[in-house]
Structure formats: structure tokens, C-alpha cells
Full PDB file with SEQRES, HELIX, SHEET, SSBOND, CRYST1, ORIGX, SCALE, CONECT and MASTER records, all heavy atoms in Angstrom:
SEQRES   1 A   33  ASP ARG TYR TYR GLY PRO GLY LEU GLN VAL GLY TYR GLN          
SEQRES   2 A   33  TYR THR ALA ARG ARG TRP PHE THR PHE GLU ALA SER VAL          
SEQRES   3 A   33  GLY ALA GLY TYR SER PRO GLY                                  
SHEET    1 AA1 2 GLY A   7  THR A  15  0                                        
SHEET    2 AA1 2 THR A  21  GLY A  29 -1                                        
CRYST1    1.000    1.000    1.000  90.00  90.00  90.00 P 1           1          
ORIGX1      1.000000  0.000000  0.000000        0.00000                         
ORIGX2      0.000000  1.000000  0.000000        0.00000                         
ORIGX3      0.000000  0.000000  1.000000        0.00000                         
SCALE1      1.000000  0.000000  0.000000        0.00000                         
SCALE2      0.000000  1.000000  0.000000        0.00000                         
SCALE3      0.000000  0.000000  1.000000        0.00000                         
ATOM      1  N   ASP A   1      -8.230  10.984  27.145  1.00  0.00           N  
ATOM      2  CA  ASP A   1      -9.068  10.781  25.941  1.00  0.00           C  
ATOM      3  C   ASP A   1      -8.174  10.208  24.836  1.00  0.00           C  
ATOM      4  O   ASP A   1      -6.958  10.221  24.880  1.00  0.00           O  
ATOM      5  CB  ASP A   1      -9.641  12.079  25.487  1.00  0.00           C  
ATOM      6  CG  ASP A   1     -10.955  11.928  24.709  1.00  0.00           C  
ATOM      7  OD1 ASP A   1     -11.338  10.706  24.460  1.00  0.00           O  
ATOM      8  OD2 ASP A   1     -11.573  12.928  24.326  1.00  0.00           O  
ATOM      9  N   ARG A   2      -8.850   9.667  23.809  1.00  0.00           N  
ATOM     10  CA  ARG A   2      -8.201   9.156  22.620  1.00  0.00           C  
ATOM     11  C   ARG A   2      -8.615   9.981  21.458  1.00  0.00           C  
ATOM     12  O   ARG A   2      -9.774  10.436  21.363  1.00  0.00           O  
ATOM     13  CB  ARG A   2      -8.569   7.662  22.395  1.00  0.00           C  
ATOM     14  CG  ARG A   2      -8.175   6.815  23.515  1.00  0.00           C  
ATOM     15  CD  ARG A   2      -8.507   5.378  23.354  1.00  0.00           C  
ATOM     16  NE  ARG A   2      -9.971   5.194  23.310  1.00  0.00           N  
ATOM     17  CZ  ARG A   2     -10.551   4.035  22.958  1.00  0.00           C  
ATOM     18  NH1 ARG A   2      -9.786   3.006  22.643  1.00  0.00           N  
ATOM     19  NH2 ARG A   2     -11.864   3.925  22.937  1.00  0.00           N  
ATOM     20  N   TYR A   3      -7.675  10.256  20.519  1.00  0.00           N  
ATOM     21  CA  TYR A   3      -7.883  11.117  19.397  1.00  0.00           C  
ATOM     22  C   TYR A   3      -7.698  10.381  18.102  1.00  0.00           C  
ATOM     23  O   TYR A   3      -6.642   9.714  17.832  1.00  0.00           O  
ATOM     24  CB  TYR A   3      -6.984  12.266  19.430  1.00  0.00           C  
ATOM     25  CG  TYR A   3      -7.249  13.150  20.675  1.00  0.00           C  
ATOM     26  CD1 TYR A   3      -6.511  12.990  21.841  1.00  0.00           C  
ATOM     27  CD2 TYR A   3      -8.246  14.125  20.680  1.00  0.00           C  
ATOM     28  CE1 TYR A   3      -6.765  13.745  22.964  1.00  0.00           C  
ATOM     29  CE2 TYR A   3      -8.465  14.930  21.771  1.00  0.00           C  
ATOM     30  CZ  TYR A   3      -7.788  14.700  22.895  1.00  0.00           C  
ATOM     31  OH  TYR A   3      -7.998  15.481  24.019  1.00  0.00           O  
ATOM     32  N   TYR A   4      -8.682  10.469  17.208  1.00  0.00           N  
ATOM     33  CA  TYR A   4      -8.674   9.807  15.896  1.00  0.00           C  
ATOM     34  C   TYR A   4      -8.533  10.912  14.788  1.00  0.00           C  
ATOM     35  O   TYR A   4      -8.885  12.063  15.023  1.00  0.00           O  
ATOM     36  CB  TYR A   4      -9.954   9.055  15.631  1.00  0.00           C  
ATOM     37  CG  TYR A   4     -10.097   7.765  16.322  1.00  0.00           C  
ATOM     38  CD1 TYR A   4     -10.440   7.657  17.657  1.00  0.00           C  
ATOM     39  CD2 TYR A   4      -9.845   6.587  15.602  1.00  0.00           C  
ATOM     40  CE1 TYR A   4     -10.510   6.449  18.251  1.00  0.00           C  
ATOM     41  CE2 TYR A   4      -9.899   5.332  16.232  1.00  0.00           C  
ATOM     42  CZ  TYR A   4     -10.261   5.312  17.545  1.00  0.00           C  
ATOM     43  OH  TYR A   4     -10.334   4.044  18.170  1.00  0.00           O  
ATOM     44  N   GLY A   5      -8.018  10.501  13.653  1.00  0.00           N  
ATOM     45  CA  GLY A   5      -7.951  11.404  12.533  1.00  0.00           C  
ATOM     46  C   GLY A   5      -7.395  10.722  11.295  1.00  0.00           C  
ATOM     47  O   GLY A   5      -6.973   9.547  11.380  1.00  0.00           O  
ATOM     48  N   PRO A   6      -7.336  11.438  10.175  1.00  0.00           N  
ATOM     49  CA  PRO A   6      -6.819  10.856   8.936  1.00  0.00           C  
ATOM     50  C   PRO A   6      -5.295  10.874   9.000  1.00  0.00           C  
ATOM     51  O   PRO A   6      -4.699  11.731   9.640  1.00  0.00           O  
ATOM     52  CB  PRO A   6      -7.316  11.822   7.871  1.00  0.00           C  
ATOM     53  CG  PRO A   6      -7.494  13.108   8.532  1.00  0.00           C  
ATOM     54  CD  PRO A   6      -7.943  12.776   9.977  1.00  0.00           C  
ATOM     55  N   GLY A   7      -4.730   9.917   8.255  1.00  0.00           N  
ATOM     56  CA  GLY A   7      -3.230   9.820   8.209  1.00  0.00           C  
ATOM     57  C   GLY A   7      -2.817   9.304   6.885  1.00  0.00           C  
ATOM     58  O   GLY A   7      -3.496   8.650   6.160  1.00  0.00           O  
ATOM     59  N   LEU A   8      -1.557   9.607   6.622  1.00  0.00           N  
ATOM     60  CA  LEU A   8      -0.883   9.150   5.354  1.00  0.00           C  
ATOM     61  C   LEU A   8       0.384   8.467   5.736  1.00  0.00           C  
ATOM     62  O   LEU A   8       1.209   9.034   6.462  1.00  0.00           O  
ATOM     63  CB  LEU A   8      -0.641  10.360   4.455  1.00  0.00           C  
ATOM     64  CG  LEU A   8      -0.121  10.028   3.055  1.00  0.00           C  
ATOM     65  CD1 LEU A   8      -1.153   9.315   2.198  1.00  0.00           C  
ATOM     66  CD2 LEU A   8       0.311  11.348   2.343  1.00  0.00           C  
ATOM     67  N   GLN A   9       0.606   7.229   5.216  1.00  0.00           N  
ATOM     68  CA  GLN A   9       1.839   6.464   5.495  1.00  0.00           C  
ATOM     69  C   GLN A   9       2.441   5.924   4.189  1.00  0.00           C  
ATOM     70  O   GLN A   9       1.665   5.618   3.243  1.00  0.00           O  
ATOM     71  CB  GLN A   9       1.560   5.287   6.454  1.00  0.00           C  
ATOM     72  CG  GLN A   9       1.181   5.661   7.817  1.00  0.00           C  
ATOM     73  CD  GLN A   9       1.153   4.506   8.814  1.00  0.00           C  
ATOM     74  OE1 GLN A   9       2.210   4.121   9.294  1.00  0.00           O  
ATOM     75  NE2 GLN A   9       0.023   3.882   8.967  1.00  0.00           N  
ATOM     76  N   VAL A  10       3.722   5.742   4.217  1.00  0.00           N  
ATOM     77  CA  VAL A  10       4.397   4.986   3.149  1.00  0.00           C  
ATOM     78  C   VAL A  10       5.002   3.740   3.807  1.00  0.00           C  
ATOM     79  O   VAL A  10       5.346   3.791   4.976  1.00  0.00           O  
ATOM     80  CB  VAL A  10       5.554   5.820   2.488  1.00  0.00           C  
ATOM     81  CG1 VAL A  10       4.954   7.009   1.710  1.00  0.00           C  
ATOM     82  CG2 VAL A  10       6.601   6.246   3.471  1.00  0.00           C  
ATOM     83  N   GLY A  11       5.069   2.686   3.047  1.00  0.00           N  
ATOM     84  CA  GLY A  11       5.535   1.448   3.664  1.00  0.00           C  
ATOM     85  C   GLY A  11       6.162   0.460   2.673  1.00  0.00           C  
ATOM     86  O   GLY A  11       6.165   0.683   1.478  1.00  0.00           O  
ATOM     87  N   TYR A  12       6.588  -0.652   3.214  1.00  0.00           N  
ATOM     88  CA  TYR A  12       7.170  -1.757   2.443  1.00  0.00           C  
ATOM     89  C   TYR A  12       6.484  -2.995   2.869  1.00  0.00           C  
ATOM     90  O   TYR A  12       6.155  -3.277   3.997  1.00  0.00           O  
ATOM     91  CB  TYR A  12       8.660  -1.896   2.815  1.00  0.00           C  
ATOM     92  CG  TYR A  12       9.296  -3.142   2.366  1.00  0.00           C  
ATOM     93  CD1 TYR A  12       9.687  -3.413   1.041  1.00  0.00           C  
ATOM     94  CD2 TYR A  12       9.530  -4.186   3.342  1.00  0.00           C  
ATOM     95  CE1 TYR A  12      10.232  -4.586   0.646  1.00  0.00           C  
ATOM     96  CE2 TYR A  12      10.074  -5.340   2.966  1.00  0.00           C  
ATOM     97  CZ  TYR A  12      10.462  -5.581   1.582  1.00  0.00           C  
ATOM     98  OH  TYR A  12      11.009  -6.783   1.223  1.00  0.00           O  
ATOM     99  N   GLN A  13       6.169  -3.917   1.852  1.00  0.00           N  
ATOM    100  CA  GLN A  13       5.582  -5.203   2.142  1.00  0.00           C  
ATOM    101  C   GLN A  13       6.385  -6.296   1.413  1.00  0.00           C  
ATOM    102  O   GLN A  13       6.738  -6.162   0.233  1.00  0.00           O  
ATOM    103  CB  GLN A  13       4.107  -5.206   1.652  1.00  0.00           C  
ATOM    104  CG  GLN A  13       3.422  -6.506   1.996  1.00  0.00           C  
ATOM    105  CD  GLN A  13       2.034  -6.544   1.412  1.00  0.00           C  
ATOM    106  OE1 GLN A  13       1.890  -6.610   0.186  1.00  0.00           O  
ATOM    107  NE2 GLN A  13       1.019  -6.543   2.307  1.00  0.00           N  
ATOM    108  N   TYR A  14       6.666  -7.377   2.106  1.00  0.00           N  
ATOM    109  CA  TYR A  14       7.302  -8.572   1.638  1.00  0.00           C  
ATOM    110  C   TYR A  14       6.293  -9.704   1.753  1.00  0.00           C  
ATOM    111  O   TYR A  14       5.828  -9.960   2.826  1.00  0.00           O  
ATOM    112  CB  TYR A  14       8.575  -8.917   2.379  1.00  0.00           C  
ATOM    113  CG  TYR A  14       9.120 -10.225   1.987  1.00  0.00           C  
ATOM    114  CD1 TYR A  14       9.830 -10.466   0.818  1.00  0.00           C  
ATOM    115  CD2 TYR A  14       8.884 -11.343   2.810  1.00  0.00           C  
ATOM    116  CE1 TYR A  14      10.290 -11.693   0.448  1.00  0.00           C  
ATOM    117  CE2 TYR A  14       9.371 -12.603   2.514  1.00  0.00           C  
ATOM    118  CZ  TYR A  14      10.072 -12.806   1.287  1.00  0.00           C  
ATOM    119  OH  TYR A  14      10.555 -14.040   0.916  1.00  0.00           O  
ATOM    120  N   THR A  15       6.019 -10.390   0.651  1.00  0.00           N  
ATOM    121  CA  THR A  15       5.139 -11.526   0.669  1.00  0.00           C  
ATOM    122  C   THR A  15       5.886 -12.733   0.079  1.00  0.00           C  
ATOM    123  O   THR A  15       6.299 -12.718  -1.073  1.00  0.00           O  
ATOM    124  CB  THR A  15       3.854 -11.325  -0.100  1.00  0.00           C  
ATOM    125  OG1 THR A  15       3.210 -10.156   0.429  1.00  0.00           O  
ATOM    126  CG2 THR A  15       2.912 -12.423  -0.015  1.00  0.00           C  
ATOM    127  N   ALA A  16       6.099 -13.730   0.903  1.00  0.00           N  
ATOM    128  CA  ALA A  16       6.838 -14.962   0.376  1.00  0.00           C  
ATOM    129  C   ALA A  16       5.920 -15.685  -0.553  1.00  0.00           C  
ATOM    130  O   ALA A  16       4.705 -15.464  -0.618  1.00  0.00           O  
ATOM    131  CB  ALA A  16       7.208 -15.827   1.577  1.00  0.00           C  
ATOM    132  N   ARG A  17       6.522 -16.638  -1.290  1.00  0.00           N  
ATOM    133  CA  ARG A  17       5.784 -17.436  -2.276  1.00  0.00           C  
ATOM    134  C   ARG A  17       4.616 -18.201  -1.598  1.00  0.00           C  
ATOM    135  O   ARG A  17       3.586 -18.302  -2.159  1.00  0.00           O  
ATOM    136  CB  ARG A  17       6.720 -18.351  -3.003  1.00  0.00           C  
ATOM    137  CG  ARG A  17       5.996 -19.234  -4.010  1.00  0.00           C  
ATOM    138  CD  ARG A  17       6.909 -19.954  -4.894  1.00  0.00           C  
ATOM    139  NE  ARG A  17       7.453 -18.985  -5.824  1.00  0.00           N  
ATOM    140  CZ  ARG A  17       8.546 -19.159  -6.520  1.00  0.00           C  
ATOM    141  NH1 ARG A  17       9.178 -20.248  -6.429  1.00  0.00           N  
ATOM    142  NH2 ARG A  17       8.926 -18.205  -7.337  1.00  0.00           N  
ATOM    143  N   ARG A  18       4.877 -18.766  -0.447  1.00  0.00           N  
ATOM    144  CA  ARG A  18       3.828 -19.620   0.212  1.00  0.00           C  
ATOM    145  C   ARG A  18       2.756 -18.788   0.880  1.00  0.00           C  
ATOM    146  O   ARG A  18       1.659 -18.769   0.465  1.00  0.00           O  
ATOM    147  CB  ARG A  18       4.521 -20.553   1.220  1.00  0.00           C  
ATOM    148  CG  ARG A  18       5.462 -21.511   0.596  1.00  0.00           C  
ATOM    149  CD  ARG A  18       4.729 -22.700   0.171  1.00  0.00           C  
ATOM    150  NE  ARG A  18       5.674 -23.666  -0.347  1.00  0.00           N  
ATOM    151  CZ  ARG A  18       5.388 -24.567  -1.268  1.00  0.00           C  
ATOM    152  NH1 ARG A  18       4.137 -24.648  -1.707  1.00  0.00           N  
ATOM    153  NH2 ARG A  18       6.289 -25.375  -1.696  1.00  0.00           N  
ATOM    154  N   TRP A  19       3.080 -18.119   1.978  1.00  0.00           N  
ATOM    155  CA  TRP A  19       2.060 -17.389   2.744  1.00  0.00           C  
ATOM    156  C   TRP A  19       2.612 -16.228   3.597  1.00  0.00           C  
ATOM    157  O   TRP A  19       1.869 -15.275   3.857  1.00  0.00           O  
ATOM    158  CB  TRP A  19       1.304 -18.341   3.608  1.00  0.00           C  
ATOM    159  CG  TRP A  19       2.192 -19.014   4.658  1.00  0.00           C  
ATOM    160  CD1 TRP A  19       2.884 -20.164   4.567  1.00  0.00           C  
ATOM    161  CD2 TRP A  19       2.460 -18.546   5.991  1.00  0.00           C  
ATOM    162  NE1 TRP A  19       3.620 -20.392   5.675  1.00  0.00           N  
ATOM    163  CE2 TRP A  19       3.350 -19.411   6.613  1.00  0.00           C  
ATOM    164  CE3 TRP A  19       2.054 -17.426   6.701  1.00  0.00           C  
ATOM    165  CZ2 TRP A  19       3.806 -19.211   7.848  1.00  0.00           C  
ATOM    166  CZ3 TRP A  19       2.513 -17.232   7.968  1.00  0.00           C  
ATOM    167  CH2 TRP A  19       3.363 -18.133   8.601  1.00  0.00           C  
ATOM    168  N   PHE A  20       3.780 -16.293   4.110  1.00  0.00           N  
ATOM    169  CA  PHE A  20       4.283 -15.404   5.031  1.00  0.00           C  
ATOM    170  C   PHE A  20       4.375 -13.940   4.505  1.00  0.00           C  
ATOM    171  O   PHE A  20       4.813 -13.734   3.404  1.00  0.00           O  
ATOM    172  CB  PHE A  20       5.648 -15.799   5.558  1.00  0.00           C  
ATOM    173  CG  PHE A  20       6.271 -14.773   6.540  1.00  0.00           C  
ATOM    174  CD1 PHE A  20       5.910 -14.692   7.829  1.00  0.00           C  
ATOM    175  CD2 PHE A  20       7.242 -13.888   6.055  1.00  0.00           C  
ATOM    176  CE1 PHE A  20       6.432 -13.771   8.765  1.00  0.00           C  
ATOM    177  CE2 PHE A  20       7.828 -12.963   6.923  1.00  0.00           C  
ATOM    178  CZ  PHE A  20       7.323 -12.898   8.227  1.00  0.00           C  
ATOM    179  N   THR A  21       3.895 -12.981   5.286  1.00  0.00           N  
ATOM    180  CA  THR A  21       3.872 -11.553   4.840  1.00  0.00           C  
ATOM    181  C   THR A  21       4.427 -10.727   5.960  1.00  0.00           C  
ATOM    182  O   THR A  21       4.055 -10.963   7.155  1.00  0.00           O  
ATOM    183  CB  THR A  21       2.481 -11.083   4.430  1.00  0.00           C  
ATOM    184  OG1 THR A  21       1.994 -11.933   3.387  1.00  0.00           O  
ATOM    185  CG2 THR A  21       2.483  -9.669   4.041  1.00  0.00           C  
ATOM    186  N   PHE A  22       5.310  -9.777   5.619  1.00  0.00           N  
ATOM    187  CA  PHE A  22       5.834  -8.826   6.530  1.00  0.00           C  
ATOM    188  C   PHE A  22       5.630  -7.428   5.992  1.00  0.00           C  
ATOM    189  O   PHE A  22       5.787  -7.202   4.825  1.00  0.00           O  
ATOM    190  CB  PHE A  22       7.342  -9.088   6.774  1.00  0.00           C  
ATOM    191  CG  PHE A  22       8.019  -7.953   7.477  1.00  0.00           C  
ATOM    192  CD1 PHE A  22       7.930  -7.786   8.906  1.00  0.00           C  
ATOM    193  CD2 PHE A  22       8.724  -6.942   6.784  1.00  0.00           C  
ATOM    194  CE1 PHE A  22       8.583  -6.737   9.513  1.00  0.00           C  
ATOM    195  CE2 PHE A  22       9.349  -5.845   7.448  1.00  0.00           C  
ATOM    196  CZ  PHE A  22       9.252  -5.759   8.806  1.00  0.00           C  
ATOM    197  N   GLU A  23       5.297  -6.446   6.850  1.00  0.00           N  
ATOM    198  CA  GLU A  23       5.231  -5.118   6.431  1.00  0.00           C  
ATOM    199  C   GLU A  23       5.663  -4.051   7.513  1.00  0.00           C  
ATOM    200  O   GLU A  23       5.509  -4.403   8.694  1.00  0.00           O  
ATOM    201  CB  GLU A  23       3.790  -4.734   5.919  1.00  0.00           C  
ATOM    202  CG  GLU A  23       2.739  -4.807   6.970  1.00  0.00           C  
ATOM    203  CD  GLU A  23       1.359  -4.548   6.428  1.00  0.00           C  
ATOM    204  OE1 GLU A  23       1.076  -5.000   5.266  1.00  0.00           O  
ATOM    205  OE2 GLU A  23       0.510  -3.937   7.103  1.00  0.00           O  
ATOM    206  N   ALA A  24       6.128  -2.956   7.034  1.00  0.00           N  
ATOM    207  CA  ALA A  24       6.519  -1.850   7.965  1.00  0.00           C  
ATOM    208  C   ALA A  24       6.124  -0.518   7.291  1.00  0.00           C  
ATOM    209  O   ALA A  24       6.192  -0.394   6.078  1.00  0.00           O  
ATOM    210  CB  ALA A  24       8.032  -1.918   8.232  1.00  0.00           C  
ATOM    211  N   SER A  25       5.734   0.481   8.065  1.00  0.00           N  
ATOM    212  CA  SER A  25       5.296   1.721   7.561  1.00  0.00           C  
ATOM    213  C   SER A  25       5.517   2.875   8.474  1.00  0.00           C  
ATOM    214  O   SER A  25       5.663   2.697   9.722  1.00  0.00           O  
ATOM    215  CB  SER A  25       3.813   1.674   7.159  1.00  0.00           C  
ATOM    216  OG  SER A  25       3.043   1.431   8.363  1.00  0.00           O  
ATOM    217  N   VAL A  26       5.687   4.154   7.907  1.00  0.00           N  
ATOM    218  CA  VAL A  26       5.801   5.327   8.719  1.00  0.00           C  
ATOM    219  C   VAL A  26       5.042   6.428   7.997  1.00  0.00           C  
ATOM    220  O   VAL A  26       4.793   6.390   6.806  1.00  0.00           O  
ATOM    221  CB  VAL A  26       7.316   5.736   8.845  1.00  0.00           C  
ATOM    222  CG1 VAL A  26       8.093   4.762   9.626  1.00  0.00           C  
ATOM    223  CG2 VAL A  26       7.895   6.021   7.530  1.00  0.00           C  
ATOM    224  N   GLY A  27       4.625   7.431   8.826  1.00  0.00           N  
ATOM    225  CA  GLY A  27       3.878   8.541   8.237  1.00  0.00           C  
ATOM    226  C   GLY A  27       3.462   9.553   9.313  1.00  0.00           C  
ATOM    227  O   GLY A  27       4.050   9.575  10.377  1.00  0.00           O  
ATOM    228  N   ALA A  28       2.432  10.361   8.962  1.00  0.00           N  
ATOM    229  CA  ALA A  28       1.903  11.310   9.923  1.00  0.00           C  
ATOM    230  C   ALA A  28       0.397  11.447   9.740  1.00  0.00           C  
ATOM    231  O   ALA A  28      -0.133  11.182   8.635  1.00  0.00           O  
ATOM    232  CB  ALA A  28       2.575  12.682   9.580  1.00  0.00           C  
ATOM    233  N   GLY A  29      -0.213  11.858  10.825  1.00  0.00           N  
ATOM    234  CA  GLY A  29      -1.681  11.986  10.798  1.00  0.00           C  
ATOM    235  C   GLY A  29      -2.063  13.296  11.458  1.00  0.00           C  
ATOM    236  O   GLY A  29      -1.238  13.926  12.183  1.00  0.00           O  
ATOM    237  N   TYR A  30      -3.310  13.679  11.324  1.00  0.00           N  
ATOM    238  CA  TYR A  30      -3.760  14.970  11.898  1.00  0.00           C  
ATOM    239  C   TYR A  30      -5.116  14.825  12.552  1.00  0.00           C  
ATOM    240  O   TYR A  30      -6.090  14.231  11.942  1.00  0.00           O  
ATOM    241  CB  TYR A  30      -3.858  16.029  10.853  1.00  0.00           C  
ATOM    242  CG  TYR A  30      -4.386  17.370  11.363  1.00  0.00           C  
ATOM    243  CD1 TYR A  30      -3.528  18.177  12.121  1.00  0.00           C  
ATOM    244  CD2 TYR A  30      -5.691  17.772  11.172  1.00  0.00           C  
ATOM    245  CE1 TYR A  30      -4.039  19.374  12.640  1.00  0.00           C  
ATOM    246  CE2 TYR A  30      -6.180  18.949  11.599  1.00  0.00           C  
ATOM    247  CZ  TYR A  30      -5.304  19.743  12.425  1.00  0.00           C  
ATOM    248  OH  TYR A  30      -5.807  20.980  12.926  1.00  0.00           O  
ATOM    249  N   SER A  31      -5.251  15.254  13.761  1.00  0.00           N  
ATOM    250  CA  SER A  31      -6.496  15.255  14.474  1.00  0.00           C  
ATOM    251  C   SER A  31      -6.764  16.675  15.070  1.00  0.00           C  
ATOM    252  O   SER A  31      -5.989  17.125  15.921  1.00  0.00           O  
ATOM    253  CB  SER A  31      -6.525  14.267  15.620  1.00  0.00           C  
ATOM    254  OG  SER A  31      -7.790  14.284  16.298  1.00  0.00           O  
ATOM    255  N   PRO A  32      -7.766  17.375  14.571  1.00  0.00           N  
ATOM    256  CA  PRO A  32      -8.006  18.722  15.046  1.00  0.00           C  
ATOM    257  C   PRO A  32      -8.276  18.863  16.479  1.00  0.00           C  
ATOM    258  O   PRO A  32      -8.058  19.897  17.112  1.00  0.00           O  
ATOM    259  CB  PRO A  32      -9.153  19.224  14.174  1.00  0.00           C  
ATOM    260  CG  PRO A  32      -9.776  18.028  13.630  1.00  0.00           C  
ATOM    261  CD  PRO A  32      -8.753  16.925  13.614  1.00  0.00           C  
ATOM    262  N   GLY A  33      -8.746  17.790  17.174  1.00  0.00           N  
ATOM    263  CA  GLY A  33      -9.177  17.847  18.533  1.00  0.00           C  
ATOM    264  C   GLY A  33      -8.010  17.698  19.485  1.00  0.00           C  
ATOM    265  O   GLY A  33      -8.243  17.721  20.718  1.00  0.00           O  
TER     266      GLY A  33                                                      
MASTER        0    0    0    0    2    0    0    6  265    1    0    3          
END                                                                             
């Protein structure tokens, strides 16, 4: 089975002047099932 739930992450985003965007994040989530 697959389990869904709410989560909270912190991250970093870099957006270049033209268009390129990079992001990375870490955190934790909880699913009661």
C-alpha cells in the first residue's frame, strides 16, 4: 500500500536571472495509517 499524510519541509531555491531554477528540501511527515 501507499501512505499519504501532511509534512513540513525546509529548503533552498536558486533562480537565475533568465529562467533556470534549482531547489532542494528536507523535512518530515506523518501518516497515522
